[in-house]
Amino acid sequence: MAGLGPLEIGLIILAILLLFGYKKLPDASRSLGRSLRIFKGEMKGMKDDDSATGGLRTRDAAQTSVTPVRGEIAAPGTPVGEDLSAQLREEARVAEAHAAELRARAEQTRAADGSR
C-alpha cells in the first residue's frame, strides 16, 4: 500500500478549503494548536505524576473501608454491614412504592384522556 502522493494531498487541501472556507482556516488551525498544547501538557502531567509515585498506585483508606450510603455518617460502634443492608432494603421498598404510585397516576391520566 502506497503513501499519499502530491495529488492526494492537494485534493485533501482543496476539500478542506471548500468545507471551511479560507477565512475560517486560521481560526480553526489556532484552535487545533491550542487543543494539542493542552493535550500534550496533560499527558506530560500524567507522566510526571506516575514518575513521582514510582509508577505504583496506592489504595486510599476510603477505598478499603465500608462507607455509609449518601454520605451519612454512621454512629461509632454501629454494625455498618447489617445496618446498610436494612437501609438499602427499606430504600428499595420506598422506591418501588413510589414507582407504583407513579404508574397508577399515569394510568389515571391515560384513562382520563381516553374518555374525553
PDB file of N, CA and C in Angstrom:
ATOM      1  N   MET A   1       0.843  -1.174   0.000  1.00  0.00           N
ATOM      2  CA  MET A   1       0.000   0.000   0.000  1.00  0.00           C
ATOM      3  C   MET A   1       0.887   1.235   0.000  1.00  0.00           C
ATOM      4  N   ALA A   2       0.664   2.124  -0.903  1.00  0.00           N
ATOM      5  CA  ALA A   2       1.495   3.315  -1.063  1.00  0.00           C
ATOM      6  C   ALA A   2       0.990   4.440  -0.175  1.00  0.00           C
ATOM      7  N   GLY A   3       1.891   5.382   0.116  1.00  0.00           N
ATOM      8  CA  GLY A   3       1.524   6.547   0.919  1.00  0.00           C
ATOM      9  C   GLY A   3       0.784   7.561   0.072  1.00  0.00           C
ATOM     10  N   LEU A   4       0.498   8.686   0.672  1.00  0.00           N
ATOM     11  CA  LEU A   4      -0.209   9.746  -0.038  1.00  0.00           C
ATOM     12  C   LEU A   4       0.752  10.475  -0.980  1.00  0.00           C
ATOM     13  N   GLY A   5       0.349  10.628  -2.196  1.00  0.00           N
ATOM     14  CA  GLY A   5       1.139  11.360  -3.164  1.00  0.00           C
ATOM     15  C   GLY A   5       0.740  12.822  -3.180  1.00  0.00           C
ATOM     16  N   PRO A   6       1.416  13.634  -4.003  1.00  0.00           N
ATOM     17  CA  PRO A   6       1.106  15.070  -4.053  1.00  0.00           C
ATOM     18  C   PRO A   6      -0.308  15.351  -4.551  1.00  0.00           C
ATOM     19  N   LEU A   7      -0.829  14.523  -5.440  1.00  0.00           N
ATOM     20  CA  LEU A   7      -2.181  14.729  -5.952  1.00  0.00           C
ATOM     21  C   LEU A   7      -3.217  14.515  -4.847  1.00  0.00           C
ATOM     22  N   GLU A   8      -3.034  13.451  -4.059  1.00  0.00           N
ATOM     23  CA  GLU A   8      -3.979  13.170  -2.972  1.00  0.00           C
ATOM     24  C   GLU A   8      -3.936  14.263  -1.919  1.00  0.00           C
ATOM     25  N   ILE A   9      -2.731  14.733  -1.579  1.00  0.00           N
ATOM     26  CA  ILE A   9      -2.601  15.799  -0.585  1.00  0.00           C
ATOM     27  C   ILE A   9      -3.274  17.075  -1.099  1.00  0.00           C
ATOM     28  N   GLY A  10      -3.091  17.369  -2.367  1.00  0.00           N
ATOM     29  CA  GLY A  10      -3.736  18.543  -2.960  1.00  0.00           C
ATOM     30  C   GLY A  10      -5.250  18.442  -2.913  1.00  0.00           C
ATOM     31  N   LEU A  11      -5.782  17.255  -3.202  1.00  0.00           N
ATOM     32  CA  LEU A  11      -7.231  17.068  -3.134  1.00  0.00           C
ATOM     33  C   LEU A  11      -7.756  17.225  -1.712  1.00  0.00           C
ATOM     34  N   ILE A  12      -7.001  16.738  -0.743  1.00  0.00           N
ATOM     35  CA  ILE A  12      -7.415  16.885   0.656  1.00  0.00           C
ATOM     36  C   ILE A  12      -7.436  18.351   1.050  1.00  0.00           C
ATOM     37  N   ILE A  13      -6.398  19.099   0.671  1.00  0.00           N
ATOM     38  CA  ILE A  13      -6.343  20.533   0.978  1.00  0.00           C
ATOM     39  C   ILE A  13      -7.498  21.276   0.300  1.00  0.00           C
ATOM     40  N   LEU A  14      -7.782  20.925  -0.938  1.00  0.00           N
ATOM     41  CA  LEU A  14      -8.892  21.548  -1.657  1.00  0.00           C
ATOM     42  C   LEU A  14     -10.227  21.256  -0.968  1.00  0.00           C
ATOM     43  N   ALA A  15     -10.416  20.017  -0.524  1.00  0.00           N
ATOM     44  CA  ALA A  15     -11.658  19.658   0.171  1.00  0.00           C
ATOM     45  C   ALA A  15     -11.786  20.433   1.473  1.00  0.00           C
ATOM     46  N   ILE A  16     -10.680  20.601   2.212  1.00  0.00           N
ATOM     47  CA  ILE A  16     -10.719  21.359   3.465  1.00  0.00           C
ATOM     48  C   ILE A  16     -11.062  22.820   3.180  1.00  0.00           C
ATOM     49  N   LEU A  17     -10.460  23.388   2.141  1.00  0.00           N
ATOM     50  CA  LEU A  17     -10.767  24.775   1.786  1.00  0.00           C
ATOM     51  C   LEU A  17     -12.238  24.946   1.409  1.00  0.00           C
ATOM     52  N   LEU A  18     -12.777  23.976   0.670  1.00  0.00           N
ATOM     53  CA  LEU A  18     -14.184  24.061   0.272  1.00  0.00           C
ATOM     54  C   LEU A  18     -15.115  23.906   1.469  1.00  0.00           C
ATOM     55  N   LEU A  19     -14.750  23.045   2.411  1.00  0.00           N
ATOM     56  CA  LEU A  19     -15.600  22.823   3.574  1.00  0.00           C
ATOM     57  C   LEU A  19     -15.599  24.017   4.527  1.00  0.00           C
ATOM     58  N   PHE A  20     -14.421  24.526   4.865  1.00  0.00           N
ATOM     59  CA  PHE A  20     -14.319  25.549   5.894  1.00  0.00           C
ATOM     60  C   PHE A  20     -14.218  26.962   5.336  1.00  0.00           C
ATOM     61  N   GLY A  21     -13.759  27.102   4.129  1.00  0.00           N
ATOM     62  CA  GLY A  21     -13.546  28.439   3.581  1.00  0.00           C
ATOM     63  C   GLY A  21     -12.203  28.975   4.038  1.00  0.00           C
ATOM     64  N   TYR A  22     -11.612  29.815   3.239  1.00  0.00           N
ATOM     65  CA  TYR A  22     -10.265  30.292   3.549  1.00  0.00           C
ATOM     66  C   TYR A  22     -10.244  31.267   4.723  1.00  0.00           C
ATOM     67  N   LYS A  23     -11.372  31.878   5.052  1.00  0.00           N
ATOM     68  CA  LYS A  23     -11.411  32.838   6.157  1.00  0.00           C
ATOM     69  C   LYS A  23     -11.414  32.151   7.520  1.00  0.00           C
ATOM     70  N   LYS A  24     -11.978  30.971   7.594  1.00  0.00           N
ATOM     71  CA  LYS A  24     -12.082  30.277   8.875  1.00  0.00           C
ATOM     72  C   LYS A  24     -10.888  29.387   9.169  1.00  0.00           C
ATOM     73  N   LEU A  25     -10.045  29.123   8.201  1.00  0.00           N
ATOM     74  CA  LEU A  25      -8.912  28.222   8.408  1.00  0.00           C
ATOM     75  C   LEU A  25      -7.929  28.710   9.477  1.00  0.00           C
ATOM     76  N   PRO A  26      -7.558  30.010   9.537  1.00  0.00           N
ATOM     77  CA  PRO A  26      -6.632  30.433  10.607  1.00  0.00           C
ATOM     78  C   PRO A  26      -7.211  30.198  12.000  1.00  0.00           C
ATOM     79  N   ASP A  27      -8.496  30.480  12.199  1.00  0.00           N
ATOM     80  CA  ASP A  27      -9.122  30.236  13.500  1.00  0.00           C
ATOM     81  C   ASP A  27      -9.146  28.753  13.829  1.00  0.00           C
ATOM     82  N   ALA A  28      -9.465  27.951  12.837  1.00  0.00           N
ATOM     83  CA  ALA A  28      -9.521  26.500  13.065  1.00  0.00           C
ATOM     84  C   ALA A  28      -8.145  25.953  13.409  1.00  0.00           C
ATOM     85  N   SER A  29      -7.110  26.423  12.715  1.00  0.00           N
ATOM     86  CA  SER A  29      -5.766  25.921  12.999  1.00  0.00           C
ATOM     87  C   SER A  29      -5.288  26.412  14.362  1.00  0.00           C
ATOM     88  N   ARG A  30      -5.654  27.640  14.749  1.00  0.00           N
ATOM     89  CA  ARG A  30      -5.296  28.140  16.076  1.00  0.00           C
ATOM     90  C   ARG A  30      -5.958  27.302  17.163  1.00  0.00           C
ATOM     91  N   SER A  31      -7.225  26.984  16.980  1.00  0.00           N
ATOM     92  CA  SER A  31      -7.947  26.164  17.958  1.00  0.00           C
ATOM     93  C   SER A  31      -7.340  24.772  18.052  1.00  0.00           C
ATOM     94  N   LEU A  32      -6.988  24.215  16.908  1.00  0.00           N
ATOM     95  CA  LEU A  32      -6.364  22.895  16.902  1.00  0.00           C
ATOM     96  C   LEU A  32      -5.023  22.928  17.624  1.00  0.00           C
ATOM     97  N   GLY A  33      -4.235  23.977  17.394  1.00  0.00           N
ATOM     98  CA  GLY A  33      -2.946  24.111  18.074  1.00  0.00           C
ATOM     99  C   GLY A  33      -3.103  24.222  19.572  1.00  0.00           C
ATOM    100  N   ARG A  34      -4.080  25.019  20.028  1.00  0.00           N
ATOM    101  CA  ARG A  34      -4.332  25.143  21.472  1.00  0.00           C
ATOM    102  C   ARG A  34      -4.736  23.810  22.070  1.00  0.00           C
ATOM    103  N   SER A  35      -5.614  23.101  21.372  1.00  0.00           N
ATOM    104  CA  SER A  35      -6.063  21.802  21.872  1.00  0.00           C
ATOM    105  C   SER A  35      -4.905  20.825  21.982  1.00  0.00           C
ATOM    106  N   LEU A  36      -4.039  20.816  20.984  1.00  0.00           N
ATOM    107  CA  LEU A  36      -2.882  19.916  21.031  1.00  0.00           C
ATOM    108  C   LEU A  36      -1.931  20.291  22.163  1.00  0.00           C
ATOM    109  N   ARG A  37      -1.727  21.595  22.404  1.00  0.00           N
ATOM    110  CA  ARG A  37      -0.856  22.012  23.509  1.00  0.00           C
ATOM    111  C   ARG A  37      -1.445  21.580  24.852  1.00  0.00           C
ATOM    112  N   ILE A  38      -2.752  21.745  25.030  1.00  0.00           N
ATOM    113  CA  ILE A  38      -3.405  21.337  26.274  1.00  0.00           C
ATOM    114  C   ILE A  38      -3.276  19.833  26.461  1.00  0.00           C
ATOM    115  N   PHE A  39      -3.531  19.086  25.396  1.00  0.00           N
ATOM    116  CA  PHE A  39      -3.433  17.626  25.462  1.00  0.00           C
ATOM    117  C   PHE A  39      -2.014  17.195  25.817  1.00  0.00           C
ATOM    118  N   LYS A  40      -1.030  17.820  25.181  1.00  0.00           N
ATOM    119  CA  LYS A  40       0.367  17.489  25.431  1.00  0.00           C
ATOM    120  C   LYS A  40       0.738  17.791  26.888  1.00  0.00           C
ATOM    121  N   GLY A  41       0.272  18.934  27.398  1.00  0.00           N
ATOM    122  CA  GLY A  41       0.540  19.297  28.789  1.00  0.00           C
ATOM    123  C   GLY A  41      -0.083  18.320  29.772  1.00  0.00           C
ATOM    124  N   GLU A  42      -1.310  17.884  29.482  1.00  0.00           N
ATOM    125  CA  GLU A  42      -1.974  16.913  30.354  1.00  0.00           C
ATOM    126  C   GLU A  42      -1.243  15.578  30.350  1.00  0.00           C
ATOM    127  N   MET A  43      -0.790  15.149  29.172  1.00  0.00           N
ATOM    128  CA  MET A  43      -0.057  13.883  29.087  1.00  0.00           C
ATOM    129  C   MET A  43       1.260  13.980  29.856  1.00  0.00           C
ATOM    130  N   LYS A  44       1.938  15.132  29.755  1.00  0.00           N
ATOM    131  CA  LYS A  44       3.187  15.324  30.489  1.00  0.00           C
ATOM    132  C   LYS A  44       2.912  15.306  31.995  1.00  0.00           C
ATOM    133  N   GLY A  45       1.816  15.934  32.410  1.00  0.00           N
ATOM    134  CA  GLY A  45       1.444  15.938  33.823  1.00  0.00           C
ATOM    135  C   GLY A  45       1.167  14.538  34.337  1.00  0.00           C
ATOM    136  N   MET A  46       0.511  13.717  33.516  1.00  0.00           N
ATOM    137  CA  MET A  46       0.239  12.337  33.930  1.00  0.00           C
ATOM    138  C   MET A  46       1.533  11.550  34.074  1.00  0.00           C
ATOM    139  N   LYS A  47       2.483  11.773  33.152  1.00  0.00           N
ATOM    140  CA  LYS A  47       3.776  11.083  33.232  1.00  0.00           C
ATOM    141  C   LYS A  47       4.538  11.529  34.473  1.00  0.00           C
ATOM    142  N   ASP A  48       4.476  12.827  34.786  1.00  0.00           N
ATOM    143  CA  ASP A  48       5.153  13.334  35.975  1.00  0.00           C
ATOM    144  C   ASP A  48       4.548  12.747  37.244  1.00  0.00           C
ATOM    145  N   ASP A  49       3.220  12.615  37.282  1.00  0.00           N
ATOM    146  CA  ASP A  49       2.558  12.025  38.442  1.00  0.00           C
ATOM    147  C   ASP A  49       2.982  10.575  38.632  1.00  0.00           C
ATOM    148  N   ASP A  50       3.061   9.826  37.534  1.00  0.00           N
ATOM    149  CA  ASP A  50       3.469   8.428  37.622  1.00  0.00           C
ATOM    150  C   ASP A  50       4.909   8.297  38.083  1.00  0.00           C
ATOM    151  N   SER A  51       5.800   9.166  37.594  1.00  0.00           N
ATOM    152  CA  SER A  51       7.202   9.064  37.991  1.00  0.00           C
ATOM    153  C   SER A  51       7.395   9.505  39.439  1.00  0.00           C
ATOM    154  N   ALA A  52       6.556  10.417  39.934  1.00  0.00           N
ATOM    155  CA  ALA A  52       6.668  10.874  41.317  1.00  0.00           C
ATOM    156  C   ALA A  52       6.275   9.772  42.295  1.00  0.00           C
ATOM    157  N   THR A  53       5.320   8.919  41.921  1.00  0.00           N
ATOM    158  CA  THR A  53       4.898   7.832  42.803  1.00  0.00           C
ATOM    159  C   THR A  53       5.653   6.548  42.509  1.00  0.00           C
ATOM    160  N   GLY A  54       6.574   6.599  41.588  1.00  0.00           N
ATOM    161  CA  GLY A  54       7.332   5.398  41.263  1.00  0.00           C
ATOM    162  C   GLY A  54       6.540   4.431  40.411  1.00  0.00           C
ATOM    163  N   GLY A  55       5.466   4.903  39.798  1.00  0.00           N
ATOM    164  CA  GLY A  55       4.651   4.036  38.961  1.00  0.00           C
ATOM    165  C   GLY A  55       3.701   3.168  39.751  1.00  0.00           C
ATOM    166  N   LEU A  56       3.761   3.247  41.077  1.00  0.00           N
ATOM    167  CA  LEU A  56       2.876   2.438  41.920  1.00  0.00           C
ATOM    168  C   LEU A  56       1.686   3.268  42.341  1.00  0.00           C
ATOM    169  N   ARG A  57       0.560   2.657  42.334  1.00  0.00           N
ATOM    170  CA  ARG A  57      -0.647   3.327  42.805  1.00  0.00           C
ATOM    171  C   ARG A  57      -1.025   2.694  44.140  1.00  0.00           C
ATOM    172  N   THR A  58      -1.261   3.525  45.124  1.00  0.00           N
ATOM    173  CA  THR A  58      -1.611   3.021  46.442  1.00  0.00           C
ATOM    174  C   THR A  58      -3.104   3.178  46.654  1.00  0.00           C
ATOM    175  N   ARG A  59      -3.647   2.338  47.492  1.00  0.00           N
ATOM    176  CA  ARG A  59      -5.073   2.434  47.808  1.00  0.00           C
ATOM    177  C   ARG A  59      -5.286   3.456  48.910  1.00  0.00           C
ATOM    178  N   ASP A  60      -6.317   4.234  48.760  1.00  0.00           N
ATOM    179  CA  ASP A  60      -6.685   5.175  49.809  1.00  0.00           C
ATOM    180  C   ASP A  60      -7.415   4.420  50.911  1.00  0.00           C
ATOM    181  N   ALA A  61      -7.438   4.989  52.077  1.00  0.00           N
ATOM    182  CA  ALA A  61      -8.180   4.381  53.172  1.00  0.00           C
ATOM    183  C   ALA A  61      -9.668   4.349  52.851  1.00  0.00           C
ATOM    184  N   ALA A  62     -10.137   5.347  52.103  1.00  0.00           N
ATOM    185  CA  ALA A  62     -11.554   5.403  51.748  1.00  0.00           C
ATOM    186  C   ALA A  62     -11.943   4.266  50.816  1.00  0.00           C
ATOM    187  N   GLN A  63     -11.027   3.793  50.009  1.00  0.00           N
ATOM    188  CA  GLN A  63     -11.346   2.723  49.078  1.00  0.00           C
ATOM    189  C   GLN A  63     -11.424   1.377  49.784  1.00  0.00           C
ATOM    190  N   THR A  64     -10.717   1.205  50.874  1.00  0.00           N
ATOM    191  CA  THR A  64     -10.688  -0.092  51.526  1.00  0.00           C
ATOM    192  C   THR A  64     -11.726  -0.234  52.621  1.00  0.00           C
ATOM    193  N   SER A  65     -12.275   0.887  53.116  1.00  0.00           N
ATOM    194  CA  SER A  65     -13.260   0.785  54.188  1.00  0.00           C
ATOM    195  C   SER A  65     -14.671   0.859  53.626  1.00  0.00           C
ATOM    196  N   VAL A  66     -15.629   0.381  54.411  1.00  0.00           N
ATOM    197  CA  VAL A  66     -17.033   0.443  54.017  1.00  0.00           C
ATOM    198  C   VAL A  66     -17.570   1.793  54.442  1.00  0.00           C
ATOM    199  N   THR A  67     -18.194   2.514  53.517  1.00  0.00           N
ATOM    200  CA  THR A  67     -18.730   3.827  53.851  1.00  0.00           C
ATOM    201  C   THR A  67     -20.249   3.800  53.761  1.00  0.00           C
ATOM    202  N   PRO A  68     -20.920   4.579  54.587  1.00  0.00           N
ATOM    203  CA  PRO A  68     -22.380   4.623  54.546  1.00  0.00           C
ATOM    204  C   PRO A  68     -22.884   5.222  53.232  1.00  0.00           C
ATOM    205  N   VAL A  69     -24.136   4.927  52.904  1.00  0.00           N
ATOM    206  CA  VAL A  69     -24.748   5.404  51.671  1.00  0.00           C
ATOM    207  C   VAL A  69     -25.130   6.871  51.820  1.00  0.00           C
ATOM    208  N   ARG A  70     -25.042   7.616  50.705  1.00  0.00           N
ATOM    209  CA  ARG A  70     -25.458   9.020  50.622  1.00  0.00           C
ATOM    210  C   ARG A  70     -24.713   9.928  51.584  1.00  0.00           C
ATOM    211  N   GLY A  71     -23.502   9.615  51.933  1.00  0.00           N
ATOM    212  CA  GLY A  71     -22.688  10.489  52.757  1.00  0.00           C
ATOM    213  C   GLY A  71     -23.144  10.585  54.201  1.00  0.00           C
ATOM    214  N   GLU A  72     -24.055   9.732  54.643  1.00  0.00           N
ATOM    215  CA  GLU A  72     -24.495   9.763  56.023  1.00  0.00           C
ATOM    216  C   GLU A  72     -23.406   9.156  56.891  1.00  0.00           C
ATOM    217  N   ILE A  73     -23.231   9.722  58.073  1.00  0.00           N
ATOM    218  CA  ILE A  73     -22.182   9.254  58.966  1.00  0.00           C
ATOM    219  C   ILE A  73     -22.785   8.258  59.928  1.00  0.00           C
ATOM    220  N   ALA A  74     -22.189   7.077  59.983  1.00  0.00           N
ATOM    221  CA  ALA A  74     -22.665   6.044  60.894  1.00  0.00           C
ATOM    222  C   ALA A  74     -22.154   6.353  62.293  1.00  0.00           C
ATOM    223  N   ALA A  75     -22.967   6.048  63.280  1.00  0.00           N
ATOM    224  CA  ALA A  75     -22.558   6.269  64.662  1.00  0.00           C
ATOM    225  C   ALA A  75     -21.439   5.298  65.010  1.00  0.00           C
ATOM    226  N   PRO A  76     -20.500   5.712  65.868  1.00  0.00           N
ATOM    227  CA  PRO A  76     -19.415   4.804  66.245  1.00  0.00           C
ATOM    228  C   PRO A  76     -19.968   3.554  66.912  1.00  0.00           C
ATOM    229  N   GLY A  77     -19.429   2.415  66.543  1.00  0.00           N
ATOM    230  CA  GLY A  77     -19.859   1.149  67.115  1.00  0.00           C
ATOM    231  C   GLY A  77     -21.057   0.538  66.418  1.00  0.00           C
ATOM    232  N   THR A  78     -21.616   1.194  65.403  1.00  0.00           N
ATOM    233  CA  THR A  78     -22.762   0.662  64.675  1.00  0.00           C
ATOM    234  C   THR A  78     -22.274  -0.385  63.681  1.00  0.00           C
ATOM    235  N   PRO A  79     -22.903  -1.575  63.682  1.00  0.00           N
ATOM    236  CA  PRO A  79     -22.519  -2.572  62.679  1.00  0.00           C
ATOM    237  C   PRO A  79     -22.956  -2.100  61.299  1.00  0.00           C
ATOM    238  N   VAL A  80     -22.026  -1.614  60.521  1.00  0.00           N
ATOM    239  CA  VAL A  80     -22.331  -0.963  59.258  1.00  0.00           C
ATOM    240  C   VAL A  80     -22.921  -1.940  58.252  1.00  0.00           C
ATOM    241  N   GLY A  81     -22.428  -3.159  58.171  1.00  0.00           N
ATOM    242  CA  GLY A  81     -22.879  -4.120  57.171  1.00  0.00           C
ATOM    243  C   GLY A  81     -24.352  -4.447  57.293  1.00  0.00           C
ATOM    244  N   GLU A  82     -24.810  -4.807  58.496  1.00  0.00           N
ATOM    245  CA  GLU A  82     -26.213  -5.168  58.700  1.00  0.00           C
ATOM    246  C   GLU A  82     -27.105  -3.943  58.562  1.00  0.00           C
ATOM    247  N   ASP A  83     -26.682  -2.830  59.136  1.00  0.00           N
ATOM    248  CA  ASP A  83     -27.452  -1.597  59.074  1.00  0.00           C
ATOM    249  C   ASP A  83     -27.596  -1.132  57.627  1.00  0.00           C
ATOM    250  N   LEU A  84     -26.544  -1.284  56.869  1.00  0.00           N
ATOM    251  CA  LEU A  84     -26.554  -0.868  55.476  1.00  0.00           C
ATOM    252  C   LEU A  84     -27.514  -1.727  54.662  1.00  0.00           C
ATOM    253  N   SER A  85     -27.519  -3.049  54.901  1.00  0.00           N
ATOM    254  CA  SER A  85     -28.444  -3.930  54.170  1.00  0.00           C
ATOM    255  C   SER A  85     -29.891  -3.576  54.479  1.00  0.00           C
ATOM    256  N   ALA A  86     -30.187  -3.340  55.745  1.00  0.00           N
ATOM    257  CA  ALA A  86     -31.556  -2.987  56.122  1.00  0.00           C
ATOM    258  C   ALA A  86     -31.947  -1.651  55.503  1.00  0.00           C
ATOM    259  N   GLN A  87     -31.025  -0.706  55.503  1.00  0.00           N
ATOM    260  CA  GLN A  87     -31.306   0.603  54.929  1.00  0.00           C
ATOM    261  C   GLN A  87     -31.535   0.488  53.428  1.00  0.00           C
ATOM    262  N   LEU A  88     -30.735  -0.322  52.741  1.00  0.00           N
ATOM    263  CA  LEU A  88     -30.911  -0.497  51.309  1.00  0.00           C
ATOM    264  C   LEU A  88     -32.233  -1.188  50.986  1.00  0.00           C
ATOM    265  N   ARG A  89     -32.628  -2.182  51.785  1.00  0.00           N
ATOM    266  CA  ARG A  89     -33.920  -2.837  51.570  1.00  0.00           C
ATOM    267  C   ARG A  89     -35.060  -1.849  51.746  1.00  0.00           C
ATOM    268  N   GLU A  90     -34.963  -0.994  52.774  1.00  0.00           N
ATOM    269  CA  GLU A  90     -36.005  -0.001  53.025  1.00  0.00           C
ATOM    270  C   GLU A  90     -36.072   1.011  51.885  1.00  0.00           C
ATOM    271  N   GLU A  91     -34.908   1.459  51.394  1.00  0.00           N
ATOM    272  CA  GLU A  91     -34.895   2.398  50.275  1.00  0.00           C
ATOM    273  C   GLU A  91     -35.480   1.766  49.014  1.00  0.00           C
ATOM    274  N   ALA A  92     -35.205   0.482  48.790  1.00  0.00           N
ATOM    275  CA  ALA A  92     -35.753  -0.218  47.626  1.00  0.00           C
ATOM    276  C   ALA A  92     -37.273  -0.324  47.746  1.00  0.00           C
ATOM    277  N   ARG A  93     -37.774  -0.620  48.967  1.00  0.00           N
ATOM    278  CA  ARG A  93     -39.212  -0.717  49.187  1.00  0.00           C
ATOM    279  C   ARG A  93     -39.884   0.621  48.920  1.00  0.00           C
ATOM    280  N   VAL A  94     -39.292   1.715  49.404  1.00  0.00           N
ATOM    281  CA  VAL A  94     -39.856   3.047  49.200  1.00  0.00           C
ATOM    282  C   VAL A  94     -39.842   3.402  47.709  1.00  0.00           C
ATOM    283  N   ALA A  95     -38.743   3.075  47.023  1.00  0.00           N
ATOM    284  CA  ALA A  95     -38.653   3.372  45.591  1.00  0.00           C
ATOM    285  C   ALA A  95     -39.690   2.578  44.799  1.00  0.00           C
ATOM    286  N   GLU A  96     -39.907   1.316  45.159  1.00  0.00           N
ATOM    287  CA  GLU A  96     -40.918   0.506  44.480  1.00  0.00           C
ATOM    288  C   GLU A  96     -42.312   1.067  44.721  1.00  0.00           C
ATOM    289  N   ALA A  97     -42.603   1.513  45.943  1.00  0.00           N
ATOM    290  CA  ALA A  97     -43.910   2.096  46.250  1.00  0.00           C
ATOM    291  C   ALA A  97     -44.114   3.391  45.456  1.00  0.00           C
ATOM    292  N   HIS A  98     -43.066   4.197  45.352  1.00  0.00           N
ATOM    293  CA  HIS A  98     -43.148   5.442  44.589  1.00  0.00           C
ATOM    294  C   HIS A  98     -43.380   5.146  43.106  1.00  0.00           C
ATOM    295  N   ALA A  99     -42.682   4.142  42.573  1.00  0.00           N
ATOM    296  CA  ALA A  99     -42.856   3.776  41.166  1.00  0.00           C
ATOM    297  C   ALA A  99     -44.278   3.275  40.915  1.00  0.00           C
ATOM    298  N   ALA A 100     -44.824   2.496  41.845  1.00  0.00           N
ATOM    299  CA  ALA A 100     -46.193   2.002  41.694  1.00  0.00           C
ATOM    300  C   ALA A 100     -47.183   3.163  41.713  1.00  0.00           C
ATOM    301  N   GLU A 101     -46.932   4.141  42.583  1.00  0.00           N
ATOM    302  CA  GLU A 101     -47.805   5.314  42.648  1.00  0.00           C
ATOM    303  C   GLU A 101     -47.749   6.101  41.331  1.00  0.00           C
ATOM    304  N   LEU A 102     -46.557   6.265  40.779  1.00  0.00           N
ATOM    305  CA  LEU A 102     -46.423   6.980  39.513  1.00  0.00           C
ATOM    306  C   LEU A 102     -47.099   6.225  38.367  1.00  0.00           C
ATOM    307  N   ARG A 103     -47.003   4.895  38.379  1.00  0.00           N
ATOM    308  CA  ARG A 103     -47.679   4.097  37.343  1.00  0.00           C
ATOM    309  C   ARG A 103     -49.190   4.258  37.448  1.00  0.00           C
ATOM    310  N   ALA A 104     -49.708   4.277  38.687  1.00  0.00           N
ATOM    311  CA  ALA A 104     -51.149   4.443  38.886  1.00  0.00           C
ATOM    312  C   ALA A 104     -51.614   5.813  38.393  1.00  0.00           C
ATOM    313  N   ARG A 105     -50.810   6.857  38.675  1.00  0.00           N
ATOM    314  CA  ARG A 105     -51.159   8.192  38.193  1.00  0.00           C
ATOM    315  C   ARG A 105     -51.154   8.244  36.673  1.00  0.00           C
ATOM    316  N   ALA A 106     -50.171   7.600  36.060  1.00  0.00           N
ATOM    317  CA  ALA A 106     -50.094   7.584  34.597  1.00  0.00           C
ATOM    318  C   ALA A 106     -51.306   6.871  34.010  1.00  0.00           C
ATOM    319  N   GLU A 107     -51.731   5.772  34.624  1.00  0.00           N
ATOM    320  CA  GLU A 107     -52.913   5.043  34.158  1.00  0.00           C
ATOM    321  C   GLU A 107     -54.163   5.915  34.292  1.00  0.00           C
ATOM    322  N   GLN A 108     -54.280   6.649  35.409  1.00  0.00           N
ATOM    323  CA  GLN A 108     -55.423   7.529  35.594  1.00  0.00           C
ATOM    324  C   GLN A 108     -55.440   8.630  34.537  1.00  0.00           C
ATOM    325  N   THR A 109     -54.272   9.165  34.232  1.00  0.00           N
ATOM    326  CA  THR A 109     -54.174  10.228  33.228  1.00  0.00           C
ATOM    327  C   THR A 109     -54.555   9.684  31.857  1.00  0.00           C
ATOM    328  N   ARG A 110     -54.069   8.483  31.538  1.00  0.00           N
ATOM    329  CA  ARG A 110     -54.426   7.879  30.245  1.00  0.00           C
ATOM    330  C   ARG A 110     -55.933   7.611  30.155  1.00  0.00           C
ATOM    331  N   ALA A 111     -56.503   7.118  31.261  1.00  0.00           N
ATOM    332  CA  ALA A 111     -57.940   6.832  31.266  1.00  0.00           C
ATOM    333  C   ALA A 111     -58.747   8.123  31.108  1.00  0.00           C
ATOM    334  N   ALA A 112     -58.298   9.182  31.774  1.00  0.00           N
ATOM    335  CA  ALA A 112     -58.994  10.460  31.687  1.00  0.00           C
ATOM    336  C   ALA A 112     -58.869  11.040  30.287  1.00  0.00           C
ATOM    337  N   ASP A 113     -57.710  10.911  29.675  1.00  0.00           N
ATOM    338  CA  ASP A 113     -57.518  11.408  28.310  1.00  0.00           C
ATOM    339  C   ASP A 113     -58.310  10.575  27.298  1.00  0.00           C
ATOM    340  N   GLY A 114     -58.446   9.319  27.548  1.00  0.00           N
ATOM    341  CA  GLY A 114     -59.196   8.435  26.643  1.00  0.00           C
ATOM    342  C   GLY A 114     -60.689   8.666  26.696  1.00  0.00           C
ATOM    343  N   SER A 115     -61.204   9.139  27.846  1.00  0.00           N
ATOM    344  CA  SER A 115     -62.644   9.358  27.978  1.00  0.00           C
ATOM    345  C   SER A 115     -63.079  10.707  27.418  1.00  0.00           C
ATOM    346  N   ARG A 116     -62.171  11.563  27.084  1.00  0.00           N
ATOM    347  CA  ARG A 116     -62.517  12.889  26.543  1.00  0.00           C
ATOM    348  C   ARG A 116     -62.930  12.823  25.132  1.00  0.00           C
TER     349      ARG A 116
END
